[in-house]
Structures are given as C-alpha cells and as structure tokens.
Amino acid sequence: QTYSKHPHPTTRKRIEADCDHFCNGQTEWIALKKGLDKIKTYKDELLICLNYPATPLHNNQSERDIRE
C-alpha cells in the first residue's frame, strides 16, 4: 500500500530485485521450482502495479460486480 500512495523508482527497483531473488532461489522441490520459474516468466505482468500504482492488487470489486 505504501508504494501505491508514494511510488518511487528506488522502491520499485528494490521490489523487482526482491522478486528476482525470490524466484532464483535454489530448491530441490521440482514443483516449487516450476512454480518459481512460472512467476519469473510472468514477472512483468505480476508486477504491473509498479507501472500503474493505482491498480488494485486484487479483483474483489470485479468479482462482486459479476455476482450481482
């Protein structure tokens, strides 16, 4: 929430670096490694909120609109 209210290039770089560090972690669990590789593949899409800080991190309102 802090980033969405006060976006800053330094914070953005740190978040991207944290994502890279997380996804590049070593594990013996094949399923986990596949999941991390998938996150890495879609990193730009998953971190779209860094380009558009006003973008909500969930789709709860969309889900509510559909159900009503």
C-alpha atoms as a PDB file:
ATOM      1  CA  GLN A   1       0.000   0.000   0.000  1.00  0.00           C
ATOM      2  CA  THR A   2       2.815   2.396   0.697  1.00  0.00           C
ATOM      3  CA  TYR A   3       4.145   2.146  -2.861  1.00  0.00           C
ATOM      4  CA  SER A   4       0.736   2.862  -4.363  1.00  0.00           C
ATOM      5  CA  LYS A   5       0.489   6.068  -2.335  1.00  0.00           C
ATOM      6  CA  HIS A   6       4.108   7.161  -2.795  1.00  0.00           C
ATOM      7  CA  PRO A   7       5.717   5.412  -5.795  1.00  0.00           C
ATOM      8  CA  HIS A   8       9.458   5.903  -6.001  1.00  0.00           C
ATOM      9  CA  PRO A   9      11.979   4.482  -8.519  1.00  0.00           C
ATOM     10  CA  THR A  10      14.271   3.215  -5.760  1.00  0.00           C
ATOM     11  CA  THR A  11      11.448   1.309  -4.116  1.00  0.00           C
ATOM     12  CA  ARG A  12      10.401  -0.104  -7.489  1.00  0.00           C
ATOM     13  CA  LYS A  13      13.930  -1.398  -8.131  1.00  0.00           C
ATOM     14  CA  ARG A  14      14.039  -2.983  -4.674  1.00  0.00           C
ATOM     15  CA  ILE A  15      10.706  -4.752  -5.234  1.00  0.00           C
ATOM     16  CA  GLU A  16      11.853  -6.046  -8.621  1.00  0.00           C
ATOM     17  CA  ALA A  17      15.163  -7.204  -7.120  1.00  0.00           C
ATOM     18  CA  ASP A  18      13.325  -8.946  -4.274  1.00  0.00           C
ATOM     19  CA  CYS A  19      11.148 -10.750  -6.818  1.00  0.00           C
ATOM     20  CA  ASP A  20      14.225 -11.849  -8.786  1.00  0.00           C
ATOM     21  CA  HIS A  21      15.972 -13.016  -5.607  1.00  0.00           C
ATOM     22  CA  PHE A  22      12.889 -14.952  -4.532  1.00  0.00           C
ATOM     23  CA  CYS A  23      12.429 -16.615  -7.933  1.00  0.00           C
ATOM     24  CA  ASN A  24      16.111 -17.503  -8.313  1.00  0.00           C
ATOM     25  CA  GLY A  25      16.249 -19.334  -5.013  1.00  0.00           C
ATOM     26  CA  GLN A  26      17.568 -22.886  -5.100  1.00  0.00           C
ATOM     27  CA  THR A  27      15.291 -25.731  -4.106  1.00  0.00           C
ATOM     28  CA  GLU A  28      15.241 -29.475  -4.500  1.00  0.00           C
ATOM     29  CA  TRP A  29      11.454 -29.500  -4.811  1.00  0.00           C
ATOM     30  CA  ILE A  30      10.635 -29.788  -8.504  1.00  0.00           C
ATOM     31  CA  ALA A  31       7.070 -28.493  -8.176  1.00  0.00           C
ATOM     32  CA  LEU A  32       8.260 -25.425  -6.274  1.00  0.00           C
ATOM     33  CA  LYS A  33      10.993 -24.728  -8.844  1.00  0.00           C
ATOM     34  CA  LYS A  34       8.420 -24.954 -11.657  1.00  0.00           C
ATOM     35  CA  GLY A  35       6.180 -22.521  -9.795  1.00  0.00           C
ATOM     36  CA  LEU A  36       9.034 -20.074  -9.261  1.00  0.00           C
ATOM     37  CA  ASP A  37      10.002 -20.340 -12.935  1.00  0.00           C
ATOM     38  CA  LYS A  38       6.421 -19.536 -13.892  1.00  0.00           C
ATOM     39  CA  ILE A  39       6.419 -16.484 -11.627  1.00  0.00           C
ATOM     40  CA  LYS A  40       9.673 -15.378 -13.265  1.00  0.00           C
ATOM     41  CA  THR A  41       8.120 -15.810 -16.729  1.00  0.00           C
ATOM     42  CA  TYR A  42       5.142 -13.612 -15.843  1.00  0.00           C
ATOM     43  CA  LYS A  43       7.049 -11.175 -13.635  1.00  0.00           C
ATOM     44  CA  ASP A  44       6.214  -8.106 -15.728  1.00  0.00           C
ATOM     45  CA  GLU A  45       2.520  -8.935 -15.671  1.00  0.00           C
ATOM     46  CA  LEU A  46       2.536  -9.763 -11.972  1.00  0.00           C
ATOM     47  CA  LEU A  47       4.292  -6.503 -11.115  1.00  0.00           C
ATOM     48  CA  ILE A  48       2.070  -4.321 -13.332  1.00  0.00           C
ATOM     49  CA  CYS A  49       1.121  -2.425 -10.196  1.00  0.00           C
ATOM     50  CA  LEU A  50       4.618  -0.902 -10.239  1.00  0.00           C
ATOM     51  CA  ASN A  51       3.812   0.770 -13.576  1.00  0.00           C
ATOM     52  CA  TYR A  52       0.313   1.722 -12.502  1.00  0.00           C
ATOM     53  CA  PRO A  53       0.313   2.253  -8.726  1.00  0.00           C
ATOM     54  CA  ALA A  54      -3.433   2.943  -8.673  1.00  0.00           C
ATOM     55  CA  THR A  55      -4.102  -0.600  -9.935  1.00  0.00           C
ATOM     56  CA  PRO A  56      -5.641  -2.663  -7.133  1.00  0.00           C
ATOM     57  CA  LEU A  57      -3.709  -5.760  -6.111  1.00  0.00           C
ATOM     58  CA  HIS A  58      -6.896  -7.821  -6.176  1.00  0.00           C
ATOM     59  CA  ASN A  59     -10.010  -8.108  -8.287  1.00  0.00           C
ATOM     60  CA  ASN A  60     -12.556  -8.248  -5.478  1.00  0.00           C
ATOM     61  CA  GLN A  61     -14.672  -5.420  -6.891  1.00  0.00           C
ATOM     62  CA  SER A  62     -14.801  -7.069 -10.321  1.00  0.00           C
ATOM     63  CA  GLU A  63     -15.881 -10.326  -8.721  1.00  0.00           C
ATOM     64  CA  ARG A  64     -18.600  -8.535  -6.760  1.00  0.00           C
ATOM     65  CA  ASP A  65     -19.845  -6.766  -9.888  1.00  0.00           C
ATOM     66  CA  ILE A  66     -20.138 -10.055 -11.762  1.00  0.00           C
ATOM     67  CA  ARG A  67     -22.040 -11.771  -8.955  1.00  0.00           C
ATOM     68  CA  GLU A  68     -24.589  -9.012  -8.559  1.00  0.00           C
END
